[in-house]
Protein backbone atom coordinates (compact mmCIF):
# COMPACT_ATOMS: atom_id res chain seq x y z
CA MET A 1 0.00 0.00 0.00
CA ALA A 2 2.86 2.35 0.82
CA ASP A 3 4.25 1.81 -2.69
CA GLY A 4 0.94 2.86 -4.28
CA ASP A 5 -0.26 -0.64 -5.18
CA ALA A 6 -3.97 -0.15 -5.90
CA GLY A 7 -4.88 -3.77 -5.09
CA ALA A 8 -2.96 -3.95 -1.81
CA ALA A 9 -5.93 -2.89 0.32
CA ASP A 10 -8.11 -5.59 -1.28
CA ARG A 11 -5.47 -8.26 -0.66
CA LEU A 12 -5.06 -7.09 2.96
CA MET A 13 -8.81 -7.34 3.50
CA GLU A 14 -8.92 -10.82 1.99
CA GLU A 15 -6.09 -12.05 4.20
CA ALA A 16 -7.19 -10.29 7.39
CA TYR A 17 -10.96 -10.70 7.01
CA THR A 18 -11.20 -14.17 8.52
CA GLU A 19 -9.19 -13.21 11.58
CA LEU A 20 -11.04 -9.91 12.02
CA ARG A 21 -14.38 -11.73 11.73
CA ARG A 22 -13.26 -14.27 14.35
CA MET A 23 -12.20 -11.44 16.68
CA ALA A 24 -15.55 -9.71 16.20
CA ALA A 25 -17.51 -12.95 16.72
CA GLN A 26 -15.66 -13.61 19.98
CA ARG A 27 -16.43 -10.10 21.19
CA MET A 28 -20.09 -10.34 20.19
CA ALA A 29 -20.49 -13.77 21.82
CA SER A 30 -19.17 -12.43 25.12
CA SER A 31 -21.63 -9.52 25.19
CA ALA A 32 -25.20 -9.69 26.37
CA GLY A 33 -28.09 -10.55 24.08
CA ASP A 34 -29.03 -6.89 23.54
CA GLN A 35 -26.25 -6.51 20.96
CA THR A 36 -27.79 -5.93 17.52
CA LEU A 37 -24.56 -5.47 15.61
CA GLN A 38 -23.43 -8.63 13.83
CA PRO A 39 -19.74 -9.62 13.65
CA THR A 40 -19.64 -9.09 9.88
CA ALA A 41 -21.06 -5.58 10.26
CA LEU A 42 -18.53 -4.80 13.01
CA VAL A 43 -15.67 -5.93 10.74
CA HIS A 44 -16.97 -3.86 7.84
CA GLU A 45 -17.42 -0.76 10.02
CA ALA A 46 -13.93 -1.25 11.47
CA TRP A 47 -12.52 -1.62 7.94
CA LEU A 48 -14.12 1.68 6.93
CA LYS A 49 -12.91 3.36 10.12
CA LEU A 50 -9.39 2.15 9.31
CA GLY A 51 -9.63 3.88 5.95
CA GLY A 52 -11.10 1.26 3.64
CA GLU A 53 -9.61 1.48 0.17
CA GLN A 54 -7.57 4.60 1.02
CA MET A 55 -6.02 2.92 4.03
CA ARG A 56 -2.59 4.07 5.12
CA GLY A 57 0.31 1.66 5.29
CA TRP A 58 0.79 -0.51 8.35
CA ASN A 59 4.19 -1.20 9.83
CA ASN A 60 3.35 -4.87 10.30
CA ARG A 61 0.59 -7.33 11.12
CA ASN A 62 0.64 -6.41 14.81
CA HIS A 63 0.22 -2.72 14.01
CA PHE A 64 -2.78 -3.49 11.79
CA PHE A 65 -4.54 -5.67 14.39
CA ALA A 66 -3.89 -3.18 17.19
CA ALA A 67 -5.51 -0.48 15.03
CA ALA A 68 -8.40 -2.83 14.24
CA ALA A 69 -8.96 -3.44 17.97
CA THR A 70 -9.04 0.30 18.56
CA ALA A 71 -11.53 0.76 15.71
CA MET A 72 -13.78 -2.00 17.09
CA ARG A 73 -13.65 -0.41 20.53
CA SER A 74 -14.66 2.92 19.08
CA ILE A 75 -17.56 1.43 17.14
CA LEU A 76 -18.91 -0.54 20.11
CA VAL A 77 -18.63 2.46 22.44
CA ASP A 78 -20.36 4.75 19.93
CA ARG A 79 -23.20 2.24 19.52
CA ALA A 80 -23.57 1.88 23.29
CA ARG A 81 -23.72 5.65 23.70
CA SER A 82 -26.25 5.92 20.92
CA ARG A 83 -28.53 3.29 22.46
CA LYS A 84 -28.35 5.02 25.81
CA ALA A 85 -29.01 8.47 24.39
CA LEU A 86 -32.14 10.19 25.62
CA ARG A 87 -33.58 10.42 22.11
CA HIS A 88 -33.44 6.60 21.98
CA GLY A 89 -35.21 6.16 25.29
CA GLY A 90 -32.13 6.44 27.51
CA GLY A 91 -31.67 2.68 27.72
CA GLN A 92 -35.36 1.94 28.20
CA GLU A 93 -36.74 -1.11 26.49
CA ARG A 94 -40.25 -1.56 25.11
CA VAL A 95 -41.95 -4.59 26.70
CA ALA A 96 -45.47 -5.94 26.82
CA LEU A 97 -47.31 -5.12 30.01
CA HIS A 98 -47.56 -8.79 31.04
CA GLU A 99 -43.72 -9.08 30.77
CA VAL A 100 -42.92 -6.24 33.17
CA GLU A 101 -40.43 -7.25 35.86
CA ILE A 102 -38.14 -5.31 38.13
CA ALA A 103 -34.82 -5.09 36.31
CA ASP A 104 -31.37 -4.69 37.77
CA GLY A 105 -29.71 -1.32 37.20
CA ALA A 106 -26.58 -2.41 35.30
CA THR A 107 -26.92 -2.99 31.56
CA CYS A 108 -24.36 -4.18 29.07
CA ASP A 109 -24.14 -0.64 27.65
CA ASP A 110 -23.43 0.74 31.12
CA GLN A 111 -20.61 -1.76 31.55
CA LEU A 112 -19.16 -1.07 28.11
CA LEU A 113 -19.16 2.69 28.68
CA ALA A 114 -17.72 2.29 32.17
CA VAL A 115 -14.87 0.14 30.82
CA HIS A 116 -14.27 2.69 28.05
CA GLU A 117 -14.00 5.58 30.51
CA ALA A 118 -11.83 3.64 32.95
CA LEU A 119 -9.63 2.48 30.08
CA ASP A 120 -8.80 6.09 29.23
CA LYS A 121 -7.62 6.58 32.83
CA LEU A 122 -5.59 3.36 32.70
CA ALA A 123 -3.99 4.48 29.41
CA ALA A 124 -2.73 7.63 31.11
CA GLU A 125 -1.23 5.53 33.91
CA ASP A 126 -0.06 2.44 32.00
CA PRO A 127 -0.46 2.48 28.20
CA GLN A 128 0.69 -1.12 27.69
CA LYS A 129 -1.92 -2.56 30.01
CA ALA A 130 -4.58 -0.34 28.44
CA GLU A 131 -3.61 -1.66 25.01
CA LEU A 132 -3.91 -5.20 26.39
CA VAL A 133 -7.44 -4.47 27.63
CA LYS A 134 -8.38 -3.15 24.18
CA LEU A 135 -7.05 -6.30 22.56
CA ARG A 136 -8.65 -8.71 25.04
CA TYR A 137 -11.93 -6.96 25.91
CA PHE A 138 -12.83 -5.09 22.74
CA ALA A 139 -11.21 -7.30 20.08
CA GLY A 140 -11.57 -10.66 21.86
CA LEU A 141 -7.96 -11.76 21.43
CA SER A 142 -6.66 -14.65 23.53
CA VAL A 143 -3.65 -14.35 25.83
CA GLU A 144 -1.49 -15.97 23.15
CA GLU A 145 -2.71 -13.62 20.42
CA ALA A 146 -2.33 -10.52 22.59
CA ALA A 147 1.22 -11.59 23.48
CA GLN A 148 2.04 -11.86 19.80
CA VAL A 149 0.52 -8.47 18.95
CA LEU A 150 2.23 -6.70 21.87
CA GLY A 151 5.51 -8.56 21.42
CA VAL A 152 5.82 -9.84 24.99
CA SER A 153 5.64 -13.27 26.57
CA GLU A 154 2.37 -15.00 27.43
CA ALA A 155 3.38 -15.04 31.10
CA THR A 156 3.79 -11.26 31.04
CA ILE A 157 0.40 -10.87 29.34
CA ALA A 158 -1.20 -13.10 31.99
CA ARG A 159 0.28 -10.93 34.77
CA TRP A 160 -0.73 -7.71 33.02
CA TRP A 161 -4.26 -9.05 32.47
CA ILE A 162 -4.67 -9.88 36.17
CA TYR A 163 -3.45 -6.39 37.09
CA ALA A 164 -5.60 -4.63 34.46
CA ARG A 165 -8.76 -6.51 35.47
CA ALA A 166 -8.17 -5.70 39.14
CA TRP A 167 -7.44 -2.05 38.33
CA LEU A 168 -10.57 -1.75 36.17
CA GLY A 169 -12.67 -3.57 38.77
CA ARG A 170 -11.55 -1.13 41.44
CA GLU A 171 -12.16 1.83 39.13
CA ILE A 172 -15.57 0.71 37.84
CA LYS A 173 -17.01 -0.95 40.98
CA PHE A 174 -19.79 -2.82 39.14
């Protein structure tokens, strides 16, 4: 792409599509049933957010997938905010009168937005662990995959993940 090859973006999409779709499917499977965005749509939106056909060059595979994780995070957070917006009922759900039950206060959107806000604070304190959270939570990468993307050992990723989860848990208090 950096050399001006017009077909490079298409070839990148063909090669990366399967892995991006798997990442998106993992993320969607781990979210609650109120998620209306399908994995394929998330991949396509992330592709467009990354620049689509006019995409800039990537240093390497890891750089591309880190950017894709960031794009997916952005898309999911924007959708959560949109669903919670007052003009969309502020998180209220239409139900039949005979189905009315007392609901708990925490929704999936609340959790997603809380993680997003806490992640910004973590990034200011420890950017590597924040990047790990993006890769694991928003892109659905495994410990092994995150280690490869970040270029550190799996043992280090496991330690960082324990720390990041504890830090976020303390910050969010869900």
